[in-house]
Protein backbone atom coordinates (compact mmCIF):
# COMPACT_ATOMS: atom_id res chain seq x y z
CA MET A 1 0.22 -0.19 -0.46
CA SER A 2 1.23 3.58 -0.76
CA GLU A 3 2.19 5.66 2.25
CA ALA A 4 -0.05 9.06 2.11
CA GLY A 5 3.23 10.86 1.28
CA SER A 6 3.15 9.34 -2.39
CA ALA A 7 -0.25 9.15 -2.92
CA ALA A 8 -1.70 10.47 -5.85
CA LEU A 9 -5.10 9.11 -4.72
CA LEU A 10 -7.48 8.38 -1.54
CA LEU A 11 -9.61 5.36 -1.74
CA ALA A 12 -12.13 6.11 0.61
CA SER A 13 -13.41 2.47 1.27
CA ARG A 14 -12.60 -0.38 3.25
CA SER A 15 -13.16 -2.90 0.73
CA PRO A 16 -9.75 -4.93 0.27
CA ARG A 17 -11.06 -6.07 -3.10
CA ARG A 18 -11.41 -2.36 -4.23
CA ALA A 19 -7.67 -1.58 -3.01
CA ASP A 20 -6.76 -4.74 -5.15
CA LEU A 21 -8.38 -3.95 -8.40
CA LEU A 22 -6.74 0.12 -8.07
CA ARG A 23 -3.67 -2.13 -7.29
CA THR A 24 -4.09 -3.42 -10.81
CA LEU A 25 -4.31 -0.08 -12.72
CA GLY A 26 -0.99 1.06 -11.29
CA ILE A 27 -2.14 3.65 -8.93
CA ALA A 28 0.12 4.68 -5.82
CA PHE A 29 -2.99 5.40 -3.43
CA ALA A 30 -3.01 5.61 0.29
CA VAL A 31 -6.42 3.91 2.04
CA ILE A 32 -8.50 6.39 4.22
CA ASP A 33 -11.60 4.71 6.76
CA VAL A 34 -14.72 6.57 6.45
CA ASP A 35 -17.46 5.57 8.25
CA ILE A 36 -21.39 6.95 6.66
CA ASP A 37 -24.85 5.51 7.81
CA GLU A 38 -25.60 2.92 4.64
CA THR A 39 -29.58 2.15 5.58
CA PRO A 40 -31.49 2.89 2.21
CA TRP A 41 -34.15 5.67 2.35
CA ALA A 42 -37.65 5.18 1.94
CA ARG A 43 -38.87 4.25 -1.75
CA GLU A 44 -35.17 4.75 -2.55
CA THR A 45 -34.12 3.23 -6.02
CA PRO A 46 -31.32 0.86 -6.05
CA GLY A 47 -29.12 3.53 -8.39
CA ALA A 48 -30.27 6.11 -6.80
CA TYR A 49 -28.80 4.16 -3.24
CA VAL A 50 -25.86 3.55 -4.83
CA ARG A 51 -24.87 6.56 -6.39
CA ARG A 52 -25.71 8.86 -2.86
CA LEU A 53 -23.72 6.36 -0.74
CA ALA A 54 -20.42 6.46 -2.94
CA ARG A 55 -20.82 10.39 -2.93
CA MET A 56 -21.39 9.98 0.76
CA LYS A 57 -18.02 8.31 0.78
CA ALA A 58 -16.38 10.26 -1.06
CA GLU A 59 -17.25 13.51 0.58
CA ALA A 60 -16.54 12.04 3.77
CA GLY A 61 -12.85 11.22 2.84
CA HIS A 62 -12.83 14.70 1.22
CA ALA A 63 -14.06 16.07 4.30
CA SER A 64 -11.55 14.46 6.37
CA LEU A 65 -8.23 15.80 4.78
CA THR A 66 -6.48 18.81 6.89
CA THR A 67 -3.31 19.43 4.58
CA ARG A 68 -2.58 17.60 1.55
CA SER A 69 -5.19 18.11 -1.47
CA LEU A 70 -6.10 14.90 -2.81
CA PRO A 71 -8.74 13.13 -5.48
CA VAL A 72 -10.75 11.18 -3.69
CA LEU A 73 -12.37 8.09 -4.58
CA ALA A 74 -15.18 6.19 -2.89
CA ALA A 75 -17.56 3.01 -4.29
CA ASP A 76 -20.77 1.19 -3.14
CA THR A 77 -21.52 -1.89 -4.24
CA THR A 78 -25.47 -3.89 -3.86
CA VAL A 79 -27.01 -6.79 -5.14
CA VAL A 80 -30.60 -6.00 -6.64
CA LEU A 81 -33.21 -9.10 -6.98
CA ASP A 82 -36.91 -8.05 -7.86
CA GLY A 83 -36.09 -4.72 -7.40
CA SER A 84 -35.28 -5.28 -4.05
CA ILE A 85 -31.60 -4.63 -2.03
CA LEU A 86 -30.12 -7.60 -0.79
CA GLY A 87 -27.15 -5.96 1.52
CA LYS A 88 -24.62 -7.70 3.54
CA PRO A 89 -26.18 -10.84 5.34
CA ARG A 90 -26.60 -10.15 9.55
CA ASP A 91 -25.68 -13.28 10.34
CA THR A 92 -25.19 -17.08 8.72
CA ASP A 93 -29.40 -17.63 8.63
CA ASP A 94 -29.55 -14.43 6.36
CA ALA A 95 -26.92 -15.80 4.49
CA ARG A 96 -28.53 -18.61 3.46
CA SER A 97 -32.02 -16.98 2.86
CA MET A 98 -30.21 -14.69 0.11
CA LEU A 99 -28.52 -17.38 -1.81
CA ARG A 100 -31.84 -19.45 -1.52
CA ARG A 101 -33.48 -16.68 -3.37
CA LEU A 102 -30.55 -15.95 -5.48
CA SER A 103 -30.54 -19.89 -6.51
CA GLY A 104 -31.25 -20.08 -10.33
CA ARG A 105 -31.59 -16.60 -10.72
CA VAL A 106 -30.42 -13.60 -12.36
CA HIS A 107 -29.77 -10.70 -10.26
CA GLU A 108 -28.02 -7.22 -10.78
CA VAL A 109 -25.27 -5.85 -9.08
CA LEU A 110 -25.09 -2.32 -9.23
CA THR A 111 -21.99 -0.29 -8.26
CA GLY A 112 -22.02 3.80 -7.68
CA VAL A 113 -18.20 5.12 -8.12
CA ALA A 114 -17.44 8.89 -7.42
CA LEU A 115 -14.61 10.71 -7.48
CA ILE A 116 -13.44 14.31 -5.97
CA ASP A 117 -11.04 15.86 -7.51
CA ARG A 118 -8.12 18.23 -6.75
CA SER A 119 -10.73 21.36 -7.05
CA GLY A 120 -13.59 19.72 -4.87
CA ALA A 121 -15.87 19.09 -7.96
CA ILE A 122 -17.57 15.37 -7.85
CA GLU A 123 -18.76 13.35 -10.63
CA ASP A 124 -20.28 9.52 -10.38
CA ILE A 125 -21.26 6.82 -11.92
CA VAL A 126 -23.83 3.79 -11.68
CA VAL A 127 -22.87 0.81 -13.69
CA THR A 128 -24.98 -2.11 -13.61
CA THR A 129 -23.69 -6.16 -14.08
CA HIS A 130 -26.55 -9.22 -14.77
CA VAL A 131 -25.47 -12.26 -13.00
CA SER A 132 -27.03 -15.45 -13.49
CA VAL A 133 -26.75 -18.22 -10.71
CA ARG A 134 -27.00 -21.91 -10.72
CA VAL A 135 -29.30 -24.14 -9.28
CA LEU A 136 -27.85 -24.49 -5.62
CA ASN A 137 -28.60 -27.45 -3.38
CA PRO A 138 -29.29 -27.09 0.17
CA ARG A 139 -25.59 -28.88 0.97
CA SER A 140 -24.09 -26.59 -1.48
CA ILE A 141 -25.61 -23.70 0.72
CA ASP A 142 -24.32 -24.91 4.04
CA ALA A 143 -21.18 -25.74 2.61
CA TYR A 144 -20.73 -22.47 0.77
CA VAL A 145 -21.54 -20.62 3.72
CA ALA A 146 -19.54 -22.52 6.45
CA SER A 147 -16.63 -21.34 4.50
CA GLY A 148 -17.22 -17.75 5.85
CA GLU A 149 -16.89 -15.79 2.91
CA PRO A 150 -20.20 -14.67 2.36
CA ALA A 151 -20.51 -13.06 5.48
CA ASP A 152 -19.45 -9.43 4.35
CA LYS A 153 -20.68 -9.51 0.77
CA ALA A 154 -23.75 -7.87 -0.79
CA GLY A 155 -25.71 -10.63 -1.48
CA ALA A 156 -23.84 -13.22 0.52
CA TYR A 157 -21.59 -13.96 -1.87
CA GLY A 158 -18.32 -13.03 -3.19
CA ILE A 159 -17.60 -13.65 -7.31
CA GLN A 160 -13.89 -13.70 -6.83
CA GLY A 161 -13.38 -16.26 -4.65
CA LEU A 162 -15.64 -19.49 -4.05
CA GLY A 163 -18.70 -17.78 -4.71
CA GLY A 164 -17.36 -17.05 -8.23
CA ALA A 165 -18.15 -21.76 -8.52
CA LEU A 166 -21.91 -20.56 -8.04
CA VAL A 167 -22.30 -18.43 -10.94
CA ASP A 168 -23.28 -19.78 -14.33
CA ARG A 169 -22.65 -16.57 -16.38
CA ILE A 170 -22.98 -12.55 -16.03
CA ASP A 171 -23.48 -9.76 -18.87
CA GLY A 172 -21.15 -7.17 -18.38
CA SER A 173 -18.51 -5.69 -16.13
CA TYR A 174 -16.71 -8.72 -14.14
CA SER A 175 -14.58 -6.22 -12.17
CA ASN A 176 -18.18 -4.23 -11.04
CA VAL A 177 -19.19 -7.63 -10.04
CA VAL A 178 -16.23 -7.38 -7.47
CA GLY A 179 -16.62 -3.92 -6.21
CA LEU A 180 -15.16 -1.11 -8.84
CA PRO A 181 -16.39 -1.00 -12.23
CA LEU A 182 -12.62 -0.62 -13.75
CA VAL A 183 -13.04 0.74 -17.62
CA GLU A 184 -16.13 3.40 -16.03
CA THR A 185 -13.68 4.34 -12.80
CA LEU A 186 -10.32 4.49 -15.56
CA ASP A 187 -12.72 7.58 -17.22
CA LEU A 188 -13.13 9.74 -13.99
CA LEU A 189 -9.59 8.95 -13.15
CA ASP A 190 -8.83 10.62 -16.40
CA ALA A 191 -10.83 13.35 -16.19
CA ALA A 192 -9.81 14.43 -12.64
CA GLY A 193 -6.17 13.58 -13.90
CA VAL A 194 -5.19 10.88 -11.86
CA PRO A 195 -1.75 8.97 -13.55
CA HIS A 196 -2.58 5.07 -13.78
CA ALA A 197 -0.57 2.29 -15.80
CA LEU A 198 -2.46 2.89 -18.75
CA ASN A 199 -1.60 6.63 -18.74
CA PRO A 200 0.97 7.22 -16.84
CA THR A 201 1.64 11.11 -18.18
CA LEU A 202 -1.44 12.16 -16.64
CA GLY A 203 -0.74 14.91 -14.37
CA SER A 204 2.88 15.55 -14.82
CA VAL A 205 2.00 18.80 -17.06
């Protein structure tokens, strides 16, 4: 992990998966911890929900800066089935319930991404991927829950781990399902002048 003193970007997220995705882009970044209320508002659509949370996280990270002004990136990912948001499971029973609901169905994974640039301007996007889950028998569900992987994952599964074996196919961005849509995030980084492996000269002039 880059030290804050040499960072070109702050990541306002505790997600190790988002940090791993940023590392693949060759970005010098530091992680800043933010704490916001992630409760959905009444009648809030899933797209509005992830956009709002991404913006709130980015704004909280930006507000915490005391000396050096850096761009702040934040994201929020949720699983949506039949219009309902499936967040992180409360416990193992809730994880089993979510997996039973997802079994044999196609659901959506939505990620909101927000970036505050050095001037304080904020831009955001929402990306949707459709994910098909194979039919899961109770034994498979129990074994997967026992692995511990569902505990901190929206929808009670992680496609980048053992949960990838639950997925038949996806339509859209794989990295979006992991937690950060790389193509769209690169567009935001380019617009903000944040250098990365595919455009290392950004911000140098």
